[in-house]
Amino acid sequence: MTPSNAAIYQSTSSTPESLRTLAGYLELALDEGESVVLMRMGMQVRSVYVGDPSGDLADLKDSGVVEARQADEMLTLTCLGLNRITADGQQYRFVRSVRYIADRQAVVFTPT
């Protein structure tokens, strides 16, 4: 894909906390050659997993939680398909997709 097909988030001001959080999870995923999986597990927080989203929920590594507000902002600042973001000067490229894991909808961020 060419850059014109990607959603690009760059800011001349400070990076939003939600994208800094996403960047941290993308770093974990890059280290393990896996994806970041974001799932709703309640009203106030979203669970974050790192692993292969094509497997079972039990196969994913529980990597923490983010506040629902922060997760919603991550989704607002990215889109389905190819994304490029700059967080604190570091560039990240990933594909955002949606799938079902354990009968729950999950948002998947796969570094490319």
N, C-alpha and C. Protein backbone atom coordinates (compact mmCIF):
# COMPACT_ATOMS: atom_id res chain seq x y z
N MET A 1 0.84 -1.18 0.00
CA MET A 1 0.00 0.00 0.00
C MET A 1 0.88 1.24 0.00
N THR A 2 0.39 2.25 -0.60
CA THR A 2 1.11 3.51 -0.61
C THR A 2 0.70 4.36 0.57
N PRO A 3 1.54 5.33 0.96
CA PRO A 3 1.18 6.17 2.10
C PRO A 3 -0.16 6.86 1.93
N SER A 4 -0.59 7.13 0.71
CA SER A 4 -1.87 7.81 0.51
C SER A 4 -3.05 6.93 0.90
N ASN A 5 -2.84 5.62 1.03
CA ASN A 5 -3.90 4.71 1.45
C ASN A 5 -3.96 4.54 2.96
N ALA A 6 -2.99 5.10 3.67
CA ALA A 6 -2.91 4.91 5.11
C ALA A 6 -3.51 6.08 5.86
N ALA A 7 -4.11 5.79 7.00
CA ALA A 7 -4.52 6.84 7.92
C ALA A 7 -3.26 7.27 8.65
N ILE A 8 -2.96 8.55 8.61
CA ILE A 8 -1.73 9.04 9.20
C ILE A 8 -2.06 10.02 10.30
N TYR A 9 -1.53 9.75 11.50
CA TYR A 9 -1.72 10.69 12.60
C TYR A 9 -0.35 11.24 12.96
N GLN A 10 -0.18 12.52 12.74
CA GLN A 10 1.01 13.23 13.16
C GLN A 10 0.56 14.53 13.77
N SER A 11 1.22 14.92 14.83
CA SER A 11 0.85 16.15 15.50
C SER A 11 2.11 16.97 15.75
N THR A 12 1.98 18.27 15.57
CA THR A 12 3.11 19.14 15.87
C THR A 12 3.18 19.45 17.36
N SER A 13 2.09 19.17 18.06
CA SER A 13 2.08 19.35 19.51
C SER A 13 2.37 18.01 20.18
N SER A 14 2.07 17.88 21.44
CA SER A 14 2.37 16.64 22.15
C SER A 14 1.47 15.49 21.68
N THR A 15 1.98 14.29 21.83
CA THR A 15 1.25 13.09 21.45
C THR A 15 0.16 12.81 22.48
N PRO A 16 -1.08 12.54 22.03
CA PRO A 16 -2.14 12.20 22.99
C PRO A 16 -1.75 10.97 23.82
N GLU A 17 -2.14 10.96 25.07
CA GLU A 17 -1.82 9.86 25.97
C GLU A 17 -2.31 8.52 25.42
N SER A 18 -3.45 8.51 24.76
CA SER A 18 -3.98 7.26 24.21
C SER A 18 -3.04 6.66 23.17
N LEU A 19 -2.45 7.51 22.31
CA LEU A 19 -1.52 7.00 21.29
C LEU A 19 -0.19 6.61 21.91
N ARG A 20 0.21 7.27 22.97
CA ARG A 20 1.43 6.87 23.68
C ARG A 20 1.23 5.49 24.30
N THR A 21 0.05 5.25 24.84
CA THR A 21 -0.28 3.94 25.41
C THR A 21 -0.29 2.88 24.32
N LEU A 22 -0.96 3.18 23.20
CA LEU A 22 -1.00 2.24 22.08
C LEU A 22 0.42 1.95 21.59
N ALA A 23 1.25 2.96 21.49
CA ALA A 23 2.64 2.77 21.04
C ALA A 23 3.38 1.82 21.98
N GLY A 24 3.15 1.93 23.28
CA GLY A 24 3.78 1.02 24.22
C GLY A 24 3.38 -0.43 23.99
N TYR A 25 2.10 -0.64 23.73
CA TYR A 25 1.63 -2.00 23.44
C TYR A 25 2.14 -2.48 22.08
N LEU A 26 2.24 -1.58 21.11
CA LEU A 26 2.80 -1.96 19.80
C LEU A 26 4.26 -2.38 19.95
N GLU A 27 5.00 -1.73 20.84
CA GLU A 27 6.39 -2.13 21.10
C GLU A 27 6.44 -3.56 21.65
N LEU A 28 5.55 -3.88 22.58
CA LEU A 28 5.48 -5.25 23.10
C LEU A 28 5.18 -6.25 21.98
N ALA A 29 4.22 -5.88 21.14
CA ALA A 29 3.84 -6.77 20.03
C ALA A 29 5.00 -6.95 19.06
N LEU A 30 5.71 -5.87 18.77
CA LEU A 30 6.86 -5.97 17.87
C LEU A 30 7.94 -6.87 18.46
N ASP A 31 8.19 -6.76 19.75
CA ASP A 31 9.20 -7.60 20.40
C ASP A 31 8.86 -9.08 20.31
N GLU A 32 7.57 -9.40 20.33
CA GLU A 32 7.14 -10.79 20.32
C GLU A 32 6.66 -11.26 18.94
N GLY A 33 6.67 -10.38 17.94
CA GLY A 33 6.21 -10.75 16.61
C GLY A 33 4.74 -11.07 16.58
N GLU A 34 3.94 -10.36 17.38
CA GLU A 34 2.52 -10.65 17.53
C GLU A 34 1.69 -9.39 17.30
N SER A 35 0.43 -9.44 17.70
CA SER A 35 -0.51 -8.34 17.57
C SER A 35 -0.98 -7.88 18.95
N VAL A 36 -1.54 -6.67 18.98
CA VAL A 36 -2.19 -6.14 20.17
C VAL A 36 -3.69 -6.36 19.99
N VAL A 37 -4.34 -6.93 21.01
CA VAL A 37 -5.77 -7.22 20.95
C VAL A 37 -6.44 -6.43 22.07
N LEU A 38 -7.44 -5.64 21.71
CA LEU A 38 -8.17 -4.81 22.66
C LEU A 38 -9.60 -5.33 22.73
N MET A 39 -10.03 -5.70 23.96
CA MET A 39 -11.36 -6.29 24.12
C MET A 39 -12.12 -5.62 25.26
N ARG A 40 -13.41 -5.44 25.06
CA ARG A 40 -14.28 -4.91 26.12
C ARG A 40 -14.56 -6.04 27.11
N MET A 41 -14.26 -5.76 28.38
CA MET A 41 -14.52 -6.74 29.43
C MET A 41 -15.37 -6.14 30.54
N GLY A 42 -15.88 -4.95 30.30
CA GLY A 42 -16.70 -4.26 31.28
C GLY A 42 -17.01 -2.87 30.73
N MET A 43 -17.64 -2.06 31.55
CA MET A 43 -18.01 -0.72 31.09
C MET A 43 -16.88 0.29 31.23
N GLN A 44 -16.00 0.12 32.21
CA GLN A 44 -15.01 1.13 32.53
C GLN A 44 -13.63 0.88 31.93
N VAL A 45 -13.30 -0.36 31.63
CA VAL A 45 -11.96 -0.68 31.14
C VAL A 45 -12.03 -1.63 29.95
N ARG A 46 -10.93 -1.66 29.22
CA ARG A 46 -10.76 -2.61 28.12
C ARG A 46 -9.52 -3.43 28.41
N SER A 47 -9.61 -4.72 28.20
CA SER A 47 -8.46 -5.60 28.40
C SER A 47 -7.57 -5.56 27.17
N VAL A 48 -6.28 -5.64 27.42
CA VAL A 48 -5.29 -5.62 26.35
C VAL A 48 -4.50 -6.92 26.41
N TYR A 49 -4.40 -7.57 25.25
CA TYR A 49 -3.65 -8.81 25.14
C TYR A 49 -2.64 -8.65 24.02
N VAL A 50 -1.56 -9.44 24.10
CA VAL A 50 -0.59 -9.52 23.01
C VAL A 50 -0.52 -10.97 22.60
N GLY A 51 -0.61 -11.21 21.30
CA GLY A 51 -0.54 -12.58 20.81
C GLY A 51 -1.13 -12.71 19.43
N ASP A 52 -1.39 -13.95 19.05
CA ASP A 52 -1.96 -14.27 17.75
C ASP A 52 -3.48 -14.28 17.88
N PRO A 53 -4.17 -13.31 17.27
CA PRO A 53 -5.62 -13.22 17.43
C PRO A 53 -6.41 -14.32 16.72
N SER A 54 -5.73 -15.15 15.95
CA SER A 54 -6.45 -16.23 15.27
C SER A 54 -6.65 -17.44 16.18
N GLY A 55 -6.01 -17.43 17.35
CA GLY A 55 -6.15 -18.54 18.29
C GLY A 55 -7.23 -18.28 19.32
N ASP A 56 -7.17 -19.00 20.42
CA ASP A 56 -8.12 -18.87 21.51
C ASP A 56 -7.70 -17.75 22.45
N LEU A 57 -8.66 -17.23 23.20
CA LEU A 57 -8.39 -16.19 24.19
C LEU A 57 -7.34 -16.67 25.20
N ALA A 58 -7.40 -17.93 25.59
CA ALA A 58 -6.45 -18.48 26.55
C ALA A 58 -5.01 -18.46 26.04
N ASP A 59 -4.85 -18.39 24.72
CA ASP A 59 -3.51 -18.37 24.13
C ASP A 59 -2.90 -16.97 24.10
N LEU A 60 -3.71 -15.94 24.36
CA LEU A 60 -3.21 -14.57 24.34
C LEU A 60 -2.61 -14.21 25.69
N LYS A 61 -1.57 -13.39 25.67
CA LYS A 61 -0.91 -12.94 26.90
C LYS A 61 -1.62 -11.70 27.42
N ASP A 62 -2.16 -11.79 28.64
CA ASP A 62 -2.82 -10.66 29.27
C ASP A 62 -1.77 -9.59 29.55
N SER A 63 -1.95 -8.42 28.96
CA SER A 63 -0.94 -7.36 29.07
C SER A 63 -1.44 -6.13 29.80
N GLY A 64 -2.62 -6.20 30.41
CA GLY A 64 -3.10 -5.08 31.20
C GLY A 64 -4.47 -4.60 30.77
N VAL A 65 -4.82 -3.42 31.26
CA VAL A 65 -6.10 -2.80 30.93
C VAL A 65 -5.88 -1.32 30.63
N VAL A 66 -6.78 -0.76 29.86
CA VAL A 66 -6.82 0.68 29.63
C VAL A 66 -8.23 1.16 29.93
N GLU A 67 -8.33 2.40 30.36
CA GLU A 67 -9.64 2.98 30.61
C GLU A 67 -10.44 3.02 29.31
N ALA A 68 -11.74 2.86 29.43
CA ALA A 68 -12.61 2.88 28.26
C ALA A 68 -12.46 4.18 27.47
N ARG A 69 -12.34 5.30 28.18
CA ARG A 69 -12.18 6.60 27.52
C ARG A 69 -10.92 6.62 26.65
N GLN A 70 -9.84 6.07 27.20
CA GLN A 70 -8.58 6.05 26.47
C GLN A 70 -8.66 5.11 25.26
N ALA A 71 -9.30 3.96 25.44
CA ALA A 71 -9.48 3.02 24.33
C ALA A 71 -10.34 3.64 23.23
N ASP A 72 -11.38 4.34 23.62
CA ASP A 72 -12.24 5.01 22.63
C ASP A 72 -11.45 6.04 21.84
N GLU A 73 -10.56 6.76 22.51
CA GLU A 73 -9.74 7.76 21.81
C GLU A 73 -8.77 7.08 20.84
N MET A 74 -8.22 5.93 21.23
CA MET A 74 -7.35 5.17 20.31
C MET A 74 -8.11 4.86 19.02
N LEU A 75 -9.37 4.45 19.18
CA LEU A 75 -10.16 4.08 18.01
C LEU A 75 -10.54 5.31 17.19
N THR A 76 -10.74 6.44 17.84
CA THR A 76 -11.07 7.67 17.13
C THR A 76 -9.88 8.16 16.31
N LEU A 77 -8.68 8.00 16.84
CA LEU A 77 -7.47 8.52 16.19
C LEU A 77 -6.86 7.55 15.18
N THR A 78 -7.44 6.35 15.08
CA THR A 78 -6.98 5.38 14.07
C THR A 78 -8.20 4.92 13.27
N CYS A 79 -7.96 4.13 12.25
CA CYS A 79 -9.08 3.63 11.44
C CYS A 79 -8.81 2.19 11.03
N LEU A 80 -9.84 1.53 10.52
CA LEU A 80 -9.65 0.18 9.99
C LEU A 80 -8.67 0.26 8.82
N GLY A 81 -7.82 -0.74 8.72
CA GLY A 81 -6.84 -0.76 7.64
C GLY A 81 -5.50 -0.24 8.11
N LEU A 82 -4.69 0.20 7.15
CA LEU A 82 -3.33 0.64 7.42
C LEU A 82 -3.32 1.99 8.13
N ASN A 83 -2.52 2.09 9.17
CA ASN A 83 -2.37 3.32 9.95
C ASN A 83 -0.89 3.62 10.12
N ARG A 84 -0.58 4.90 10.23
CA ARG A 84 0.76 5.36 10.59
C ARG A 84 0.57 6.43 11.65
N ILE A 85 1.26 6.24 12.77
CA ILE A 85 1.20 7.25 13.81
C ILE A 85 2.61 7.61 14.23
N THR A 86 2.76 8.79 14.75
CA THR A 86 4.01 9.21 15.36
C THR A 86 3.70 9.47 16.82
N ALA A 87 4.38 8.77 17.70
CA ALA A 87 4.20 8.93 19.14
C ALA A 87 5.55 9.28 19.75
N ASP A 88 5.65 10.49 20.27
CA ASP A 88 6.89 10.97 20.88
C ASP A 88 8.09 10.81 19.94
N GLY A 89 7.89 11.13 18.69
CA GLY A 89 8.98 11.10 17.71
C GLY A 89 9.23 9.76 17.06
N GLN A 90 8.63 8.70 17.57
CA GLN A 90 8.80 7.35 17.00
C GLN A 90 7.62 7.06 16.08
N GLN A 91 7.91 6.55 14.89
CA GLN A 91 6.85 6.23 13.94
C GLN A 91 6.46 4.76 14.06
N TYR A 92 5.16 4.51 13.96
CA TYR A 92 4.60 3.16 14.01
C TYR A 92 3.68 2.97 12.82
N ARG A 93 3.75 1.78 12.25
CA ARG A 93 2.88 1.43 11.14
C ARG A 93 2.19 0.13 11.52
N PHE A 94 0.87 0.09 11.38
CA PHE A 94 0.12 -1.09 11.78
C PHE A 94 -1.19 -1.15 11.02
N VAL A 95 -1.78 -2.33 11.02
CA VAL A 95 -3.10 -2.54 10.44
C VAL A 95 -4.08 -2.75 11.59
N ARG A 96 -5.18 -1.99 11.56
CA ARG A 96 -6.23 -2.18 12.56
C ARG A 96 -7.35 -2.99 11.91
N SER A 97 -7.78 -4.04 12.60
CA SER A 97 -8.85 -4.90 12.09
C SER A 97 -9.76 -5.28 13.25
N VAL A 98 -10.85 -5.95 12.92
CA VAL A 98 -11.82 -6.40 13.92
C VAL A 98 -12.06 -7.89 13.71
N ARG A 99 -12.17 -8.60 14.80
CA ARG A 99 -12.49 -10.03 14.74
C ARG A 99 -13.20 -10.44 16.01
N TYR A 100 -13.69 -11.65 16.06
CA TYR A 100 -14.33 -12.18 17.26
C TYR A 100 -13.42 -13.22 17.89
N ILE A 101 -13.22 -13.08 19.20
CA ILE A 101 -12.44 -14.04 19.98
C ILE A 101 -13.29 -14.38 21.19
N ALA A 102 -13.53 -15.66 21.41
CA ALA A 102 -14.36 -16.11 22.54
C ALA A 102 -15.72 -15.41 22.51
N ASP A 103 -16.29 -15.30 21.33
CA ASP A 103 -17.61 -14.68 21.13
C ASP A 103 -17.66 -13.20 21.53
N ARG A 104 -16.53 -12.56 21.57
CA ARG A 104 -16.47 -11.12 21.87
C ARG A 104 -15.76 -10.42 20.74
N GLN A 105 -16.27 -9.24 20.42
CA GLN A 105 -15.61 -8.45 19.39
C GLN A 105 -14.29 -7.91 19.94
N ALA A 106 -13.27 -7.98 19.12
CA ALA A 106 -11.95 -7.49 19.51
C ALA A 106 -11.39 -6.62 18.40
N VAL A 107 -10.68 -5.59 18.80
CA VAL A 107 -9.95 -4.74 17.85
C VAL A 107 -8.51 -5.21 17.88
N VAL A 108 -7.95 -5.44 16.71
CA VAL A 108 -6.60 -5.97 16.59
C VAL A 108 -5.71 -4.95 15.90
N PHE A 109 -4.58 -4.66 16.52
CA PHE A 109 -3.57 -3.77 15.95
C PHE A 109 -2.35 -4.63 15.63
N THR A 110 -2.06 -4.81 14.34
CA THR A 110 -0.96 -5.66 13.92
C THR A 110 0.15 -4.82 13.31
N PRO A 111 1.31 -4.75 13.97
CA PRO A 111 2.42 -3.97 13.40
C PRO A 111 2.84 -4.55 12.04
N THR A 112 3.23 -3.65 11.14
CA THR A 112 3.70 -4.10 9.82
C THR A 112 5.10 -3.60 9.57
